[in-house]
C-alpha atoms as a PDB file:
ATOM      1  CA  MET A   1     -75.486 134.872 -90.309  1.00  0.00           C
ATOM      2  CA  LYS A   2     -72.713 135.973 -87.959  1.00  0.00           C
ATOM      3  CA  ILE A   3     -72.669 132.543 -86.279  1.00  0.00           C
ATOM      4  CA  ARG A   4     -72.226 130.858 -89.664  1.00  0.00           C
ATOM      5  CA  LEU A   5     -69.348 133.201 -90.526  1.00  0.00           C
ATOM      6  CA  LEU A   6     -67.743 132.561 -87.140  1.00  0.00           C
ATOM      7  CA  ALA A   7     -68.038 128.786 -87.580  1.00  0.00           C
ATOM      8  CA  LEU A   8     -66.532 129.006 -91.099  1.00  0.00           C
ATOM      9  CA  SER A   9     -63.659 131.086 -89.722  1.00  0.00           C
ATOM     10  CA  ALA A  10     -62.948 128.549 -86.986  1.00  0.00           C
ATOM     11  CA  VAL A  11     -62.869 125.673 -89.480  1.00  0.00           C
ATOM     12  CA  ALA A  12     -60.523 127.600 -91.808  1.00  0.00           C
ATOM     13  CA  ALA A  13     -58.198 128.476 -88.876  1.00  0.00           C
ATOM     14  CA  ALA A  14     -58.078 124.805 -87.783  1.00  0.00           C
ATOM     15  CA  ALA A  15     -57.269 123.695 -91.367  1.00  0.00           C
ATOM     16  CA  LEU A  16     -54.493 126.233 -91.699  1.00  0.00           C
ATOM     17  CA  ALA A  17     -53.036 125.300 -88.308  1.00  0.00           C
ATOM     18  CA  GLY A  18     -52.741 121.709 -89.490  1.00  0.00           C
ATOM     19  CA  CYS A  19     -50.740 122.878 -92.499  1.00  0.00           C
ATOM     20  CA  ALA A  20     -48.328 124.888 -90.379  1.00  0.00           C
ATOM     21  CA  THR A  21     -46.674 121.967 -88.591  1.00  0.00           C
ATOM     22  CA  THR A  22     -43.103 120.988 -89.469  1.00  0.00           C
ATOM     23  CA  SER A  23     -41.716 117.519 -90.075  1.00  0.00           C
ATOM     24  CA  PRO A  24     -39.430 116.050 -87.394  1.00  0.00           C
ATOM     25  CA  GLY A  25     -35.756 116.405 -88.152  1.00  0.00           C
ATOM     26  CA  TYR A  26     -36.178 119.545 -90.248  1.00  0.00           C
ATOM     27  CA  GLY A  27     -35.582 123.027 -88.951  1.00  0.00           C
ATOM     28  CA  SER A  28     -32.703 122.012 -86.752  1.00  0.00           C
ATOM     29  CA  SER A  29     -29.092 123.135 -87.330  1.00  0.00           C
ATOM     30  CA  SER A  30     -28.986 121.021 -90.496  1.00  0.00           C
ATOM     31  CA  SER A  31     -31.442 121.467 -93.334  1.00  0.00           C
ATOM     32  CA  TYR A  32     -31.457 117.741 -94.139  1.00  0.00           C
ATOM     33  CA  PRO A  33     -32.256 114.710 -91.972  1.00  0.00           C
ATOM     34  CA  SER A  34     -29.458 112.394 -90.935  1.00  0.00           C
ATOM     35  CA  SER A  35     -28.044 109.959 -93.491  1.00  0.00           C
ATOM     36  CA  ASN A  36     -28.954 106.276 -93.621  1.00  0.00           C
ATOM     37  CA  TYR A  37     -25.343 105.205 -94.162  1.00  0.00           C
ATOM     38  CA  PRO A  38     -23.114 103.985 -91.366  1.00  0.00           C
ATOM     39  CA  SER A  39     -20.831 106.568 -89.835  1.00  0.00           C
ATOM     40  CA  SER A  40     -17.950 106.386 -87.402  1.00  0.00           C
ATOM     41  CA  SER A  41     -19.693 108.296 -84.587  1.00  0.00           C
ATOM     42  CA  ALA A  42     -21.133 106.106 -81.852  1.00  0.00           C
ATOM     43  CA  SER A  43     -24.240 108.263 -81.480  1.00  0.00           C
ATOM     44  CA  SER A  44     -25.523 107.451 -84.975  1.00  0.00           C
ATOM     45  CA  ARG A  45     -24.515 103.755 -85.043  1.00  0.00           C
ATOM     46  CA  CYS A  46     -27.150 101.313 -86.317  1.00  0.00           C
ATOM     47  CA  TYR A  47     -27.042  98.259 -84.055  1.00  0.00           C
ATOM     48  CA  ASP A  48     -29.159  96.032 -86.296  1.00  0.00           C
ATOM     49  CA  CYS A  49     -27.447  96.979 -89.571  1.00  0.00           C
ATOM     50  CA  GLY A  50     -24.612  95.279 -91.469  1.00  0.00           C
ATOM     51  CA  ILE A  51     -23.190  94.071 -94.756  1.00  0.00           C
ATOM     52  CA  VAL A  52     -24.134  90.783 -96.414  1.00  0.00           C
ATOM     53  CA  VAL A  53     -21.025  88.617 -96.633  1.00  0.00           C
ATOM     54  CA  GLY A  54     -22.601  85.482 -98.121  1.00  0.00           C
ATOM     55  CA  ILE A  55     -25.811  83.858 -99.286  1.00  0.00           C
ATOM     56  CA  ASP A  56     -26.264  80.090 -99.447  1.00  0.00           C
ATOM     57  CA  ALA A  57     -29.293  78.281-100.909  1.00  0.00           C
ATOM     58  CA  VAL A  58     -30.671  75.618 -98.565  1.00  0.00           C
ATOM     59  CA  GLY A  59     -32.850  72.816 -99.949  1.00  0.00           C
ATOM     60  CA  SER A  60     -35.944  72.073 -97.875  1.00  0.00           C
ATOM     61  CA  GLY A  61     -35.611  68.305 -98.331  1.00  0.00           C
ATOM     62  CA  ARG A  62     -39.410  68.111 -98.649  1.00  0.00           C
ATOM     63  CA  THR A  63     -40.937  66.915-101.877  1.00  0.00           C
ATOM     64  CA  ALA A  64     -44.433  66.338-103.196  1.00  0.00           C
ATOM     65  CA  PRO A  65     -45.743  65.515-106.659  1.00  0.00           C
ATOM     66  CA  SER A  66     -45.806  68.710-108.692  1.00  0.00           C
ATOM     67  CA  LYS A  67     -49.555  69.398-108.783  1.00  0.00           C
ATOM     68  CA  THR A  68     -50.763  67.750-105.567  1.00  0.00           C
ATOM     69  CA  GLY A  69     -51.536  71.080-103.899  1.00  0.00           C
ATOM     70  CA  ALA A  70     -53.452  72.408-106.896  1.00  0.00           C
ATOM     71  CA  VAL A  71     -55.512  69.265-107.285  1.00  0.00           C
ATOM     72  CA  LEU A  72     -56.426  68.929-103.593  1.00  0.00           C
ATOM     73  CA  GLY A  73     -57.126  72.670-103.322  1.00  0.00           C
ATOM     74  CA  GLY A  74     -59.347  72.529-106.416  1.00  0.00           C
ATOM     75  CA  ILE A  75     -61.403  69.648-105.012  1.00  0.00           C
ATOM     76  CA  VAL A  76     -61.875  71.377-101.641  1.00  0.00           C
ATOM     77  CA  GLY A  77     -62.693  74.707-103.348  1.00  0.00           C
ATOM     78  CA  ALA A  78     -65.240  73.140-105.685  1.00  0.00           C
ATOM     79  CA  ILE A  79     -67.053  71.415-102.803  1.00  0.00           C
ATOM     80  CA  ALA A  80     -66.998  74.579-100.707  1.00  0.00           C
ATOM     81  CA  GLY A  81     -68.245  76.763-103.585  1.00  0.00           C
ATOM     82  CA  HIS A  82     -71.111  74.367-104.350  1.00  0.00           C
ATOM     83  CA  GLU A  83     -72.141  74.029-100.723  1.00  0.00           C
ATOM     84  CA  ILE A  84     -72.075  77.762-100.024  1.00  0.00           C
ATOM     85  CA  SER A  85     -74.158  78.472-103.122  1.00  0.00           C
ATOM     86  CA  ASP A  86     -76.591  75.643-102.239  1.00  0.00           C
ATOM     87  CA  LYS A  87     -77.054  76.849 -98.660  1.00  0.00           C
ATOM     88  CA  THR A  88     -77.633  80.487 -99.670  1.00  0.00           C
ATOM     89  CA  GLY A  89     -80.424  79.550-102.096  1.00  0.00           C
ATOM     90  CA  GLY A  90     -78.609  79.884-105.360  1.00  0.00           C
ATOM     91  CA  SER A  91     -80.095  78.552-108.580  1.00  0.00           C
ATOM     92  CA  LYS A  92     -78.562  75.563-110.421  1.00  0.00           C
ATOM     93  CA  GLY A  93     -76.696  77.935-112.738  1.00  0.00           C
ATOM     94  CA  ASN A  94     -75.327  79.919-109.811  1.00  0.00           C
ATOM     95  CA  GLN A  95     -74.291  76.673-108.073  1.00  0.00           C
ATOM     96  CA  ASN A  96     -72.339  75.646-111.134  1.00  0.00           C
ATOM     97  CA  ILE A  97     -70.606  78.998-111.394  1.00  0.00           C
ATOM     98  CA  ALA A  98     -69.782  78.927-107.657  1.00  0.00           C
ATOM     99  CA  THR A  99     -68.413  75.411-108.001  1.00  0.00           C
ATOM    100  CA  VAL A 100     -66.087  76.414-110.860  1.00  0.00           C
ATOM    101  CA  ALA A 101     -64.985  79.596-109.077  1.00  0.00           C
ATOM    102  CA  GLY A 102     -64.298  77.625-105.872  1.00  0.00           C
ATOM    103  CA  ALA A 103     -62.282  75.041-107.815  1.00  0.00           C
ATOM    104  CA  VAL A 104     -60.120  77.708-109.470  1.00  0.00           C
ATOM    105  CA  GLY A 105     -59.585  79.614-106.225  1.00  0.00           C
ATOM    106  CA  GLY A 106     -58.808  76.405-104.317  1.00  0.00           C
ATOM    107  CA  ALA A 107     -56.306  75.268-106.966  1.00  0.00           C
ATOM    108  CA  VAL A 108     -54.426  78.571-106.857  1.00  0.00           C
ATOM    109  CA  ALA A 109     -54.386  78.558-103.030  1.00  0.00           C
ATOM    110  CA  GLY A 110     -53.325  74.887-102.868  1.00  0.00           C
ATOM    111  CA  ASN A 111     -50.488  75.425-105.320  1.00  0.00           C
ATOM    112  CA  ALA A 112     -49.200  78.436-103.323  1.00  0.00           C
ATOM    113  CA  ILE A 113     -49.353  76.478-100.071  1.00  0.00           C
ATOM    114  CA  GLN A 114     -47.441  73.580-101.594  1.00  0.00           C
ATOM    115  CA  ASN A 115     -44.734  75.861-102.984  1.00  0.00           C
ATOM    116  CA  ARG A 116     -44.310  77.556 -99.628  1.00  0.00           C
ATOM    117  CA  ALA A 117     -44.055  74.208 -97.803  1.00  0.00           C
ATOM    118  CA  THR A 118     -41.562  72.564-100.187  1.00  0.00           C
ATOM    119  CA  GLY A 119     -39.619  75.581-101.507  1.00  0.00           C
ATOM    120  CA  ASP A 120     -35.957  76.277-100.851  1.00  0.00           C
ATOM    121  CA  SER A 121     -34.757  78.952 -98.430  1.00  0.00           C
ATOM    122  CA  TYR A 122     -31.543  80.999 -98.083  1.00  0.00           C
ATOM    123  CA  ASP A 123     -28.977  81.373 -95.265  1.00  0.00           C
ATOM    124  CA  VAL A 124     -27.931  85.026 -95.361  1.00  0.00           C
ATOM    125  CA  ARG A 125     -24.698  85.821 -93.470  1.00  0.00           C
ATOM    126  CA  VAL A 126     -24.499  89.399 -92.241  1.00  0.00           C
ATOM    127  CA  ARG A 127     -21.474  91.081 -90.691  1.00  0.00           C
ATOM    128  CA  MET A 128     -23.061  93.539 -88.312  1.00  0.00           C
ATOM    129  CA  ASP A 129     -21.704  97.041 -87.735  1.00  0.00           C
ATOM    130  CA  ASP A 130     -20.574  96.037 -84.248  1.00  0.00           C
ATOM    131  CA  GLY A 131     -18.432  93.147 -85.606  1.00  0.00           C
ATOM    132  CA  ARG A 132     -20.778  90.223 -84.901  1.00  0.00           C
ATOM    133  CA  THR A 133     -21.726  87.826 -87.722  1.00  0.00           C
ATOM    134  CA  VAL A 134     -25.310  86.544 -87.817  1.00  0.00           C
ATOM    135  CA  VAL A 135     -26.942  83.995 -90.085  1.00  0.00           C
ATOM    136  CA  ILE A 136     -30.585  84.485 -90.952  1.00  0.00           C
ATOM    137  CA  ASN A 137     -32.600  81.826 -92.784  1.00  0.00           C
ATOM    138  CA  GLN A 138     -35.448  83.183 -94.948  1.00  0.00           C
ATOM    139  CA  ARG A 139     -37.452  82.160 -97.979  1.00  0.00           C
ATOM    140  CA  ASN A 140     -37.214  85.264-100.137  1.00  0.00           C
ATOM    141  CA  ILE A 141     -34.105  87.466-100.441  1.00  0.00           C
ATOM    142  CA  ASP A 142     -35.942  90.284-102.292  1.00  0.00           C
ATOM    143  CA  GLY A 143     -32.978  91.680-104.224  1.00  0.00           C
ATOM    144  CA  ILE A 144     -30.399  91.248-101.455  1.00  0.00           C
ATOM    145  CA  ARG A 145     -26.944  90.490-102.769  1.00  0.00           C
ATOM    146  CA  GLU A 146     -23.472  90.087-101.263  1.00  0.00           C
ATOM    147  CA  ASN A 147     -21.901  93.383-100.173  1.00  0.00           C
ATOM    148  CA  THR A 148     -25.359  94.941 -99.743  1.00  0.00           C
ATOM    149  CA  TYR A 149     -25.950  97.158 -96.697  1.00  0.00           C
ATOM    150  CA  VAL A 150     -28.939  95.665 -94.870  1.00  0.00           C
ATOM    151  CA  ARG A 151     -30.886  95.753 -91.639  1.00  0.00           C
ATOM    152  CA  VAL A 152     -32.037  92.750 -89.571  1.00  0.00           C
ATOM    153  CA  VAL A 153     -35.649  93.360 -88.504  1.00  0.00           C
ATOM    154  CA  ASN A 154     -37.698  90.735 -86.621  1.00  0.00           C
ATOM    155  CA  GLY A 155     -35.437  87.911 -87.722  1.00  0.00           C
ATOM    156  CA  LYS A 156     -35.510  88.912 -91.377  1.00  0.00           C
ATOM    157  CA  VAL A 157     -32.897  90.630 -93.546  1.00  0.00           C
ATOM    158  CA  VAL A 158     -34.258  93.659 -95.408  1.00  0.00           C
ATOM    159  CA  LEU A 159     -32.632  96.212 -97.689  1.00  0.00           C
ATOM    160  CA  ARG A 160     -31.682  99.410 -95.958  1.00  0.00           C
END
């Protein structure tokens, strides 16, 4: 009985110790963490941050008939669905359902692949905090507009 009480006490102490930790940045001289906005001090400068000064749409120059990806994906998906169901011992009814499901899934995937391959992209010009100007080409600008404060991460412009 005493061993069980001792074990329970140890588990409770460990659980409470986990709750007692503080978050980094809190408890220092300031009660709030540092701001995300640029400041004039060199110690808090963000070297990969800047302001968007322009966005230009760039056509891909690639074209394909509008539903080619969906049709080809549907054919491949239907064949794959039928073969998988056939090889796993499915009944005729299950093979038909797997064929239809494969065709639908393949059509959706094929359409998405075609849109990604032939879609337009954007050249985003960013004036960095250190004065440089960089141009990043990306497919989706995700709400980025001119005069937006952004960060360049792994060759992509993201909202800050």
